[in-house]
């Protein structure tokens, strides 16, 4: 599917830019994967695919436990969207697919 791949992404967090690697493995209307960066790895939960739009949740443990709600759209090799982190609000996510 057009959304599958490994992406180098940056999340604009209150703690500064967080660089990570997002993996997306779709299966029809759902997908699995993970987000791995300097603060560890988080598994994607409840990932859905609608066209080029991805929606998922992740449970962060570092630096504090928090549930994250994520939405992103794939446009060619680019991905952009947002991560909503409870009281911290929405943070921009952007990146590109690795070759």
PDB file of N, CA and C in Angstrom:
ATOM      1  N   UNK A   1       0.844  -1.195   0.000  1.00  0.00           N
ATOM      2  CA  UNK A   1       0.000   0.000   0.000  1.00  0.00           C
ATOM      3  C   UNK A   1       0.881   1.247   0.000  1.00  0.00           C
ATOM      4  N   UNK A   2       0.338   2.348  -0.463  1.00  0.00           N
ATOM      5  CA  UNK A   2       1.113   3.579  -0.642  1.00  0.00           C
ATOM      6  C   UNK A   2       1.612   4.186   0.663  1.00  0.00           C
ATOM      7  N   UNK A   3       1.037   3.813   1.801  1.00  0.00           N
ATOM      8  CA  UNK A   3       1.465   4.412   3.075  1.00  0.00           C
ATOM      9  C   UNK A   3       2.575   3.619   3.757  1.00  0.00           C
ATOM     10  N   UNK A   4       2.800   2.384   3.323  1.00  0.00           N
ATOM     11  CA  UNK A   4       3.806   1.532   3.968  1.00  0.00           C
ATOM     12  C   UNK A   4       5.200   2.115   3.833  1.00  0.00           C
ATOM     13  N   UNK A   5       6.015   1.885   4.850  1.00  0.00           N
ATOM     14  CA  UNK A   5       7.400   2.302   4.754  1.00  0.00           C
ATOM     15  C   UNK A   5       7.989   2.683   6.092  1.00  0.00           C
ATOM     16  N   UNK A   6       9.202   3.185   6.010  1.00  0.00           N
ATOM     17  CA  UNK A   6       9.939   3.676   7.168  1.00  0.00           C
ATOM     18  C   UNK A   6      10.208   5.153   6.922  1.00  0.00           C
ATOM     19  N   UNK A   7       9.828   5.983   7.887  1.00  0.00           N
ATOM     20  CA  UNK A   7       9.921   7.429   7.729  1.00  0.00           C
ATOM     21  C   UNK A   7      10.839   8.031   8.795  1.00  0.00           C
ATOM     22  N   UNK A   8      11.666   8.987   8.392  1.00  0.00           N
ATOM     23  CA  UNK A   8      12.394   9.829   9.341  1.00  0.00           C
ATOM     24  C   UNK A   8      11.450  10.981   9.670  1.00  0.00           C
ATOM     25  N   UNK A   9      11.023  11.078  10.934  1.00  0.00           N
ATOM     26  CA  UNK A   9      10.063  12.113  11.312  1.00  0.00           C
ATOM     27  C   UNK A   9      10.601  12.989  12.438  1.00  0.00           C
ATOM     28  N   UNK A  10      10.060  14.196  12.504  1.00  0.00           N
ATOM     29  CA  UNK A  10      10.364  15.137  13.573  1.00  0.00           C
ATOM     30  C   UNK A  10       9.050  15.598  14.180  1.00  0.00           C
ATOM     31  N   UNK A  11       8.968  15.521  15.519  1.00  0.00           N
ATOM     32  CA  UNK A  11       7.818  16.035  16.246  1.00  0.00           C
ATOM     33  C   UNK A  11       8.277  17.294  16.976  1.00  0.00           C
ATOM     34  N   UNK A  12       7.537  18.388  16.767  1.00  0.00           N
ATOM     35  CA  UNK A  12       7.849  19.675  17.411  1.00  0.00           C
ATOM     36  C   UNK A  12       7.250  19.658  18.812  1.00  0.00           C
ATOM     37  N   UNK A  13       8.020  19.197  19.800  1.00  0.00           N
ATOM     38  CA  UNK A  13       7.513  19.055  21.168  1.00  0.00           C
ATOM     39  C   UNK A  13       7.925  20.250  22.030  1.00  0.00           C
ATOM     40  N   UNK A  14       7.292  20.408  23.206  1.00  0.00           N
ATOM     41  CA  UNK A  14       7.697  21.472  24.129  1.00  0.00           C
ATOM     42  C   UNK A  14       9.157  21.324  24.586  1.00  0.00           C
ATOM     43  N   UNK A  15       9.717  20.121  24.441  1.00  0.00           N
ATOM     44  CA  UNK A  15      11.103  19.858  24.831  1.00  0.00           C
ATOM     45  C   UNK A  15      12.052  20.014  23.644  1.00  0.00           C
ATOM     46  N   UNK A  16      11.571  20.605  22.557  1.00  0.00           N
ATOM     47  CA  UNK A  16      12.379  20.760  21.353  1.00  0.00           C
ATOM     48  C   UNK A  16      12.038  19.691  20.332  1.00  0.00           C
ATOM     49  N   UNK A  17      12.690  19.751  19.192  1.00  0.00           N
ATOM     50  CA  UNK A  17      12.445  18.785  18.122  1.00  0.00           C
ATOM     51  C   UNK A  17      12.836  17.386  18.571  1.00  0.00           C
ATOM     52  N   UNK A  18      11.924  16.436  18.374  1.00  0.00           N
ATOM     53  CA  UNK A  18      12.177  15.040  18.689  1.00  0.00           C
ATOM     54  C   UNK A  18      12.253  14.272  17.373  1.00  0.00           C
ATOM     55  N   UNK A  19      13.449  13.793  17.029  1.00  0.00           N
ATOM     56  CA  UNK A  19      13.654  13.033  15.797  1.00  0.00           C
ATOM     57  C   UNK A  19      13.468  11.549  16.069  1.00  0.00           C
ATOM     58  N   UNK A  20      12.699  10.898  15.203  1.00  0.00           N
ATOM     59  CA  UNK A  20      12.375   9.488  15.392  1.00  0.00           C
ATOM     60  C   UNK A  20      12.244   8.794  14.047  1.00  0.00           C
ATOM     61  N   UNK A  21      12.111   7.475  14.117  1.00  0.00           N
ATOM     62  CA  UNK A  21      11.835   6.665  12.935  1.00  0.00           C
ATOM     63  C   UNK A  21      10.464   6.021  13.125  1.00  0.00           C
ATOM     64  N   UNK A  22       9.564   6.280  12.176  1.00  0.00           N
ATOM     65  CA  UNK A  22       8.208   5.738  12.190  1.00  0.00           C
ATOM     66  C   UNK A  22       8.136   4.615  11.173  1.00  0.00           C
ATOM     67  N   UNK A  23       7.682   3.437  11.601  1.00  0.00           N
ATOM     68  CA  UNK A  23       7.465   2.332  10.668  1.00  0.00           C
ATOM     69  C   UNK A  23       5.970   2.094  10.521  1.00  0.00           C
ATOM     70  N   UNK A  24       5.540   1.879   9.289  1.00  0.00           N
ATOM     71  CA  UNK A  24       4.129   1.666   8.965  1.00  0.00           C
ATOM     72  C   UNK A  24       4.022   0.399   8.130  1.00  0.00           C
ATOM     73  N   UNK A  25       3.244  -0.580   8.624  1.00  0.00           N
ATOM     74  CA  UNK A  25       2.988  -1.835   7.920  1.00  0.00           C
ATOM     75  C   UNK A  25       1.480  -2.014   7.850  1.00  0.00           C
ATOM     76  N   UNK A  26       0.890  -1.672   6.688  1.00  0.00           N
ATOM     77  CA  UNK A  26      -0.567  -1.696   6.578  1.00  0.00           C
ATOM     78  C   UNK A  26      -1.080  -3.067   6.161  1.00  0.00           C
ATOM     79  N   UNK A  27      -2.357  -3.280   6.512  1.00  0.00           N
ATOM     80  CA  UNK A  27      -3.073  -4.507   6.147  1.00  0.00           C
ATOM     81  C   UNK A  27      -4.526  -4.109   5.929  1.00  0.00           C
ATOM     82  N   UNK A  28      -4.837  -3.688   4.709  1.00  0.00           N
ATOM     83  CA  UNK A  28      -6.190  -3.205   4.435  1.00  0.00           C
ATOM     84  C   UNK A  28      -6.433  -1.872   5.120  1.00  0.00           C
ATOM     85  N   UNK A  29      -7.453  -1.820   5.973  1.00  0.00           N
ATOM     86  CA  UNK A  29      -7.810  -0.581   6.654  1.00  0.00           C
ATOM     87  C   UNK A  29      -7.123  -0.384   7.983  1.00  0.00           C
ATOM     88  N   UNK A  30      -6.153  -1.237   8.304  1.00  0.00           N
ATOM     89  CA  UNK A  30      -5.440  -1.085   9.574  1.00  0.00           C
ATOM     90  C   UNK A  30      -3.934  -1.127   9.327  1.00  0.00           C
ATOM     91  N   UNK A  31      -3.163  -0.711  10.343  1.00  0.00           N
ATOM     92  CA  UNK A  31      -1.720  -0.817  10.242  1.00  0.00           C
ATOM     93  C   UNK A  31      -1.096  -0.988  11.611  1.00  0.00           C
ATOM     94  N   UNK A  32       0.114  -1.531  11.598  1.00  0.00           N
ATOM     95  CA  UNK A  32       0.907  -1.683  12.818  1.00  0.00           C
ATOM     96  C   UNK A  32       2.248  -1.030  12.564  1.00  0.00           C
ATOM     97  N   UNK A  33       3.036  -0.906  13.607  1.00  0.00           N
ATOM     98  CA  UNK A  33       4.356  -0.311  13.469  1.00  0.00           C
ATOM     99  C   UNK A  33       4.832   0.240  14.792  1.00  0.00           C
ATOM    100  N   UNK A  34       5.801   1.158  14.717  1.00  0.00           N
ATOM    101  CA  UNK A  34       6.360   1.738  15.929  1.00  0.00           C
ATOM    102  C   UNK A  34       6.987   3.090  15.618  1.00  0.00           C
ATOM    103  N   UNK A  35       7.245   3.844  16.690  1.00  0.00           N
ATOM    104  CA  UNK A  35       7.976   5.106  16.612  1.00  0.00           C
ATOM    105  C   UNK A  35       9.154   4.965  17.560  1.00  0.00           C
ATOM    106  N   UNK A  36      10.366   5.055  17.011  1.00  0.00           N
ATOM    107  CA  UNK A  36      11.573   4.832  17.801  1.00  0.00           C
ATOM    108  C   UNK A  36      12.466   6.060  17.725  1.00  0.00           C
ATOM    109  N   UNK A  37      12.865   6.560  18.903  1.00  0.00           N
ATOM    110  CA  UNK A  37      13.731   7.732  18.955  1.00  0.00           C
ATOM    111  C   UNK A  37      14.613   7.709  20.177  1.00  0.00           C
ATOM    112  N   UNK A  38      15.166   8.865  20.521  1.00  0.00           N
ATOM    113  CA  UNK A  38      16.111   8.986  21.632  1.00  0.00           C
ATOM    114  C   UNK A  38      15.494   8.597  22.970  1.00  0.00           C
ATOM    115  N   UNK A  39      14.170   8.733  23.096  1.00  0.00           N
ATOM    116  CA  UNK A  39      13.512   8.406  24.365  1.00  0.00           C
ATOM    117  C   UNK A  39      12.911   7.010  24.371  1.00  0.00           C
ATOM    118  N   UNK A  40      13.318   6.173  23.427  1.00  0.00           N
ATOM    119  CA  UNK A  40      12.833   4.798  23.406  1.00  0.00           C
ATOM    120  C   UNK A  40      11.904   4.533  22.239  1.00  0.00           C
ATOM    121  N   UNK A  41      11.185   3.423  22.343  1.00  0.00           N
ATOM    122  CA  UNK A  41      10.300   2.984  21.278  1.00  0.00           C
ATOM    123  C   UNK A  41       8.877   2.856  21.800  1.00  0.00           C
ATOM    124  N   UNK A  42       7.914   3.247  20.962  1.00  0.00           N
ATOM    125  CA  UNK A  42       6.498   3.102  21.302  1.00  0.00           C
ATOM    126  C   UNK A  42       5.823   2.328  20.188  1.00  0.00           C
ATOM    127  N   UNK A  43       5.029   1.327  20.556  1.00  0.00           N
ATOM    128  CA  UNK A  43       4.271   0.559  19.573  1.00  0.00           C
ATOM    129  C   UNK A  43       3.007   1.312  19.193  1.00  0.00           C
ATOM    130  N   UNK A  44       2.637   1.204  17.932  1.00  0.00           N
ATOM    131  CA  UNK A  44       1.397   1.797  17.441  1.00  0.00           C
ATOM    132  C   UNK A  44       0.241   0.901  17.857  1.00  0.00           C
ATOM    133  N   UNK A  45      -0.823   1.544  18.373  1.00  0.00           N
ATOM    134  CA  UNK A  45      -2.016   0.820  18.787  1.00  0.00           C
ATOM    135  C   UNK A  45      -3.209   1.339  18.011  1.00  0.00           C
ATOM    136  N   UNK A  46      -4.057   0.441  17.557  1.00  0.00           N
ATOM    137  CA  UNK A  46      -5.296   0.827  16.886  1.00  0.00           C
ATOM    138  C   UNK A  46      -5.087   1.619  15.624  1.00  0.00           C
ATOM    139  N   UNK A  47      -4.037   1.322  14.859  1.00  0.00           N
ATOM    140  CA  UNK A  47      -3.747   2.073  13.643  1.00  0.00           C
ATOM    141  C   UNK A  47      -4.788   1.833  12.563  1.00  0.00           C
ATOM    142  N   UNK A  48      -5.310   2.918  11.981  1.00  0.00           N
ATOM    143  CA  UNK A  48      -6.260   2.808  10.878  1.00  0.00           C
ATOM    144  C   UNK A  48      -5.721   3.560   9.663  1.00  0.00           C
ATOM    145  N   UNK A  49      -6.123   3.081   8.483  1.00  0.00           N
ATOM    146  CA  UNK A  49      -5.740   3.701   7.214  1.00  0.00           C
ATOM    147  C   UNK A  49      -7.013   4.046   6.464  1.00  0.00           C
ATOM    148  N   UNK A  50      -7.161   5.320   6.093  1.00  0.00           N
ATOM    149  CA  UNK A  50      -8.267   5.767   5.239  1.00  0.00           C
ATOM    150  C   UNK A  50      -7.645   6.530   4.090  1.00  0.00           C
ATOM    151  N   UNK A  51      -7.503   5.869   2.950  1.00  0.00           N
ATOM    152  CA  UNK A  51      -6.815   6.491   1.812  1.00  0.00           C
ATOM    153  C   UNK A  51      -5.351   6.691   2.146  1.00  0.00           C
ATOM    154  N   UNK A  52      -4.915   7.950   2.219  1.00  0.00           N
ATOM    155  CA  UNK A  52      -3.533   8.279   2.558  1.00  0.00           C
ATOM    156  C   UNK A  52      -3.406   8.779   4.003  1.00  0.00           C
ATOM    157  N   UNK A  53      -4.501   8.688   4.780  1.00  0.00           N
ATOM    158  CA  UNK A  53      -4.502   9.211   6.149  1.00  0.00           C
ATOM    159  C   UNK A  53      -4.361   8.087   7.167  1.00  0.00           C
ATOM    160  N   UNK A  54      -3.438   8.280   8.097  1.00  0.00           N
ATOM    161  CA  UNK A  54      -3.176   7.328   9.172  1.00  0.00           C
ATOM    162  C   UNK A  54      -3.649   7.925  10.491  1.00  0.00           C
ATOM    163  N   UNK A  55      -4.251   7.095  11.334  1.00  0.00           N
ATOM    164  CA  UNK A  55      -4.631   7.498  12.689  1.00  0.00           C
ATOM    165  C   UNK A  55      -4.205   6.389  13.630  1.00  0.00           C
ATOM    166  N   UNK A  56      -3.606   6.773  14.788  1.00  0.00           N
ATOM    167  CA  UNK A  56      -3.160   5.767  15.737  1.00  0.00           C
ATOM    168  C   UNK A  56      -2.971   6.369  17.114  1.00  0.00           C
ATOM    169  N   UNK A  57      -2.750   5.478  18.082  1.00  0.00           N
ATOM    170  CA  UNK A  57      -2.456   5.869  19.459  1.00  0.00           C
ATOM    171  C   UNK A  57      -1.137   5.234  19.868  1.00  0.00           C
ATOM    172  N   UNK A  58      -0.460   5.887  20.819  1.00  0.00           N
ATOM    173  CA  UNK A  58       0.758   5.337  21.404  1.00  0.00           C
ATOM    174  C   UNK A  58       0.760   5.691  22.880  1.00  0.00           C
ATOM    175  N   UNK A  59       1.364   4.832  23.684  1.00  0.00           N
ATOM    176  CA  UNK A  59       1.522   5.105  25.106  1.00  0.00           C
ATOM    177  C   UNK A  59       2.976   5.439  25.386  1.00  0.00           C
ATOM    178  N   UNK A  60       3.221   6.684  25.767  1.00  0.00           N
ATOM    179  CA  UNK A  60       4.563   7.162  26.085  1.00  0.00           C
ATOM    180  C   UNK A  60       4.830   6.890  27.572  1.00  0.00           C
ATOM    181  N   UNK A  61       6.054   6.505  27.894  1.00  0.00           N
ATOM    182  CA  UNK A  61       6.423   6.293  29.300  1.00  0.00           C
ATOM    183  C   UNK A  61       7.506   7.254  29.759  1.00  0.00           C
ATOM    184  N   UNK A  62       8.334   7.771  28.796  1.00  0.00           N
ATOM    185  CA  UNK A  62       9.437   8.676  29.122  1.00  0.00           C
ATOM    186  C   UNK A  62       9.216   9.985  28.384  1.00  0.00           C
ATOM    187  N   UNK A  63       9.318  11.154  28.959  1.00  0.00           N
ATOM    188  CA  UNK A  63       9.736  11.417  30.339  1.00  0.00           C
ATOM    189  C   UNK A  63       8.615  11.266  31.357  1.00  0.00           C
ATOM    190  N   UNK A  64       7.348  11.094  30.889  1.00  0.00           N
ATOM    191  CA  UNK A  64       6.232  10.855  31.797  1.00  0.00           C
ATOM    192  C   UNK A  64       5.188  10.018  31.077  1.00  0.00           C
ATOM    193  N   UNK A  65       4.437   9.207  31.809  1.00  0.00           N
ATOM    194  CA  UNK A  65       3.398   8.396  31.163  1.00  0.00           C
ATOM    195  C   UNK A  65       2.303   9.282  30.567  1.00  0.00           C
ATOM    196  N   UNK A  66       1.958   8.999  29.318  1.00  0.00           N
ATOM    197  CA  UNK A  66       0.942   9.798  28.642  1.00  0.00           C
ATOM    198  C   UNK A  66       0.479   9.054  27.399  1.00  0.00           C
ATOM    199  N   UNK A  67      -0.802   9.158  27.095  1.00  0.00           N
ATOM    200  CA  UNK A  67      -1.333   8.600  25.854  1.00  0.00           C
ATOM    201  C   UNK A  67      -1.261   9.661  24.773  1.00  0.00           C
ATOM    202  N   UNK A  68      -0.841   9.258  23.577  1.00  0.00           N
ATOM    203  CA  UNK A  68      -0.712  10.164  22.446  1.00  0.00           C
ATOM    204  C   UNK A  68      -1.693   9.754  21.354  1.00  0.00           C
ATOM    205  N   UNK A  69      -2.433  10.722  20.816  1.00  0.00           N
ATOM    206  CA  UNK A  69      -3.330  10.502  19.684  1.00  0.00           C
ATOM    207  C   UNK A  69      -2.693  11.141  18.459  1.00  0.00           C
ATOM    208  N   UNK A  70      -2.507  10.344  17.401  1.00  0.00           N
ATOM    209  CA  UNK A  70      -1.747  10.804  16.244  1.00  0.00           C
ATOM    210  C   UNK A  70      -2.560  10.687  14.958  1.00  0.00           C
ATOM    211  N   UNK A  71      -2.346  11.660  14.077  1.00  0.00           N
ATOM    212  CA  UNK A  71      -2.941  11.657  12.747  1.00  0.00           C
ATOM    213  C   UNK A  71      -1.885  12.143  11.772  1.00  0.00           C
ATOM    214  N   UNK A  72      -1.756  11.487  10.637  1.00  0.00           N
ATOM    215  CA  UNK A  72      -0.790  11.921   9.626  1.00  0.00           C
ATOM    216  C   UNK A  72      -1.300  11.549   8.236  1.00  0.00           C
ATOM    217  N   UNK A  73      -0.882  12.334   7.261  1.00  0.00           N
ATOM    218  CA  UNK A  73      -1.230  12.080   5.869  1.00  0.00           C
ATOM    219  C   UNK A  73       0.047  11.880   5.076  1.00  0.00           C
ATOM    220  N   UNK A  74       0.048  10.829   4.246  1.00  0.00           N
ATOM    221  CA  UNK A  74       1.184  10.536   3.381  1.00  0.00           C
ATOM    222  C   UNK A  74       0.899  11.145   2.016  1.00  0.00           C
ATOM    223  N   UNK A  75       1.880  11.908   1.497  1.00  0.00           N
ATOM    224  CA  UNK A  75       1.770  12.521   0.176  1.00  0.00           C
ATOM    225  C   UNK A  75       3.058  12.203  -0.567  1.00  0.00           C
ATOM    226  N   UNK A  76       3.029  11.160  -1.384  1.00  0.00           N
ATOM    227  CA  UNK A  76       4.248  10.683  -2.036  1.00  0.00           C
ATOM    228  C   UNK A  76       5.184  10.118  -0.990  1.00  0.00           C
ATOM    229  N   UNK A  77       6.378  10.707  -0.838  1.00  0.00           N
ATOM    230  CA  UNK A  77       7.326  10.258   0.172  1.00  0.00           C
ATOM    231  C   UNK A  77       7.326  11.173   1.389  1.00  0.00           C
ATOM    232  N   UNK A  78       6.402  12.129   1.454  1.00  0.00           N
ATOM    233  CA  UNK A  78       6.315  13.048   2.598  1.00  0.00           C
ATOM    234  C   UNK A  78       5.189  12.615   3.525  1.00  0.00           C
ATOM    235  N   UNK A  79       5.369  12.869   4.812  1.00  0.00           N
ATOM    236  CA  UNK A  79       4.329  12.591   5.804  1.00  0.00           C
ATOM    237  C   UNK A  79       4.226  13.822   6.702  1.00  0.00           C
ATOM    238  N   UNK A  80       2.989  14.200   7.028  1.00  0.00           N
ATOM    239  CA  UNK A  80       2.781  15.329   7.924  1.00  0.00           C
ATOM    240  C   UNK A  80       1.499  15.117   8.705  1.00  0.00           C
ATOM    241  N   UNK A  81       1.471  15.691   9.906  1.00  0.00           N
ATOM    242  CA  UNK A  81       0.295  15.545  10.744  1.00  0.00           C
ATOM    243  C   UNK A  81       0.536  16.135  12.101  1.00  0.00           C
ATOM    244  N   UNK A  82      -0.110  15.520  13.113  1.00  0.00           N
ATOM    245  CA  UNK A  82       0.048  16.029  14.463  1.00  0.00           C
ATOM    246  C   UNK A  82      -0.051  14.915  15.489  1.00  0.00           C
ATOM    247  N   UNK A  83       0.578  15.190  16.628  1.00  0.00           N
ATOM    248  CA  UNK A  83       0.525  14.311  17.791  1.00  0.00           C
ATOM    249  C   UNK A  83      -0.130  15.116  18.900  1.00  0.00           C
ATOM    250  N   UNK A  84      -1.247  14.612  19.435  1.00  0.00           N
ATOM    251  CA  UNK A  84      -1.934  15.303  20.516  1.00  0.00           C
ATOM    252  C   UNK A  84      -1.543  14.627  21.824  1.00  0.00           C
ATOM    253  N   UNK A  85      -0.929  15.427  22.709  1.00  0.00           N
ATOM    254  CA  UNK A  85      -0.371  14.908  23.961  1.00  0.00           C
ATOM    255  C   UNK A  85      -1.079  15.530  25.155  1.00  0.00           C
ATOM    256  N   UNK A  86      -2.311  15.117  25.377  1.00  0.00           N
ATOM    257  CA  UNK A  86      -3.054  15.553  26.557  1.00  0.00           C
ATOM    258  C   UNK A  86      -2.999  17.052  26.787  1.00  0.00           C
ATOM    259  N   UNK A  87      -2.614  17.464  27.994  1.00  0.00           N
ATOM    260  CA  UNK A  87      -2.567  18.874  28.381  1.00  0.00           C
ATOM    261  C   UNK A  87      -1.540  19.670  27.582  1.00  0.00           C
ATOM    262  N   UNK A  88      -0.590  18.988  26.930  1.00  0.00           N
ATOM    263  CA  UNK A  88       0.424  19.681  26.137  1.00  0.00           C
ATOM    264  C   UNK A  88      -0.112  20.105  24.771  1.00  0.00           C
ATOM    265  N   UNK A  89      -1.279  19.591  24.395  1.00  0.00           N
ATOM    266  CA  UNK A  89      -1.894  19.974  23.137  1.00  0.00           C
ATOM    267  C   UNK A  89      -1.286  19.287  21.933  1.00  0.00           C
ATOM    268  N   UNK A  90      -1.536  19.887  20.758  1.00  0.00           N
ATOM    269  CA  UNK A  90      -1.101  19.299  19.487  1.00  0.00           C
ATOM    270  C   UNK A  90       0.308  19.748  19.129  1.00  0.00           C
ATOM    271  N   UNK A  91       1.084  18.793  18.645  1.00  0.00           N
ATOM    272  CA  UNK A  91       2.455  19.048  18.208  1.00  0.00           C
ATOM    273  C   UNK A  91       2.568  18.597  16.757  1.00  0.00           C
ATOM    274  N   UNK A  92       3.205  19.403  15.921  1.00  0.00           N
ATOM    275  CA  UNK A  92       3.350  19.079  14.496  1.00  0.00           C
ATOM    276  C   UNK A  92       4.302  17.907  14.300  1.00  0.00           C
ATOM    277  N   UNK A  93       3.949  17.034  13.356  1.00  0.00           N
ATOM    278  CA  UNK A  93       4.783  15.905  12.948  1.00  0.00           C
ATOM    279  C   UNK A  93       5.042  16.060  11.458  1.00  0.00           C
ATOM    280  N   UNK A  94       6.298  15.899  11.028  1.00  0.00           N
ATOM    281  CA  UNK A  94       6.609  15.935   9.609  1.00  0.00           C
ATOM    282  C   UNK A  94       7.794  15.044   9.325  1.00  0.00           C
ATOM    283  N   UNK A  95       7.917  14.601   8.089  1.00  0.00           N
ATOM    284  CA  UNK A  95       9.051  13.751   7.750  1.00  0.00           C
ATOM    285  C   UNK A  95       9.012  13.263   6.335  1.00  0.00           C
ATOM    286  N   UNK A  96       9.969  12.388   6.020  1.00  0.00           N
ATOM    287  CA  UNK A  96      10.085  11.810   4.685  1.00  0.00           C
ATOM    288  C   UNK A  96      10.359  10.317   4.775  1.00  0.00           C
ATOM    289  N   UNK A  97       9.876   9.609   3.759  1.00  0.00           N
ATOM    290  CA  UNK A  97      10.084   8.156   3.680  1.00  0.00           C
ATOM    291  C   UNK A  97      11.540   7.882   3.326  1.00  0.00           C
ATOM    292  N   UNK A  98      12.128   6.880   3.991  1.00  0.00           N
ATOM    293  CA  UNK A  98      13.501   6.473   3.667  1.00  0.00           C
ATOM    294  C   UNK A  98      13.490   5.690   2.362  1.00  0.00           C
ATOM    295  N   UNK A  99      14.567   5.815   1.606  1.00  0.00           N
ATOM    296  CA  UNK A  99      14.666   5.107   0.323  1.00  0.00           C
ATOM    297  C   UNK A  99      14.836   3.617   0.544  1.00  0.00           C
TER     298      UNK A  99
END
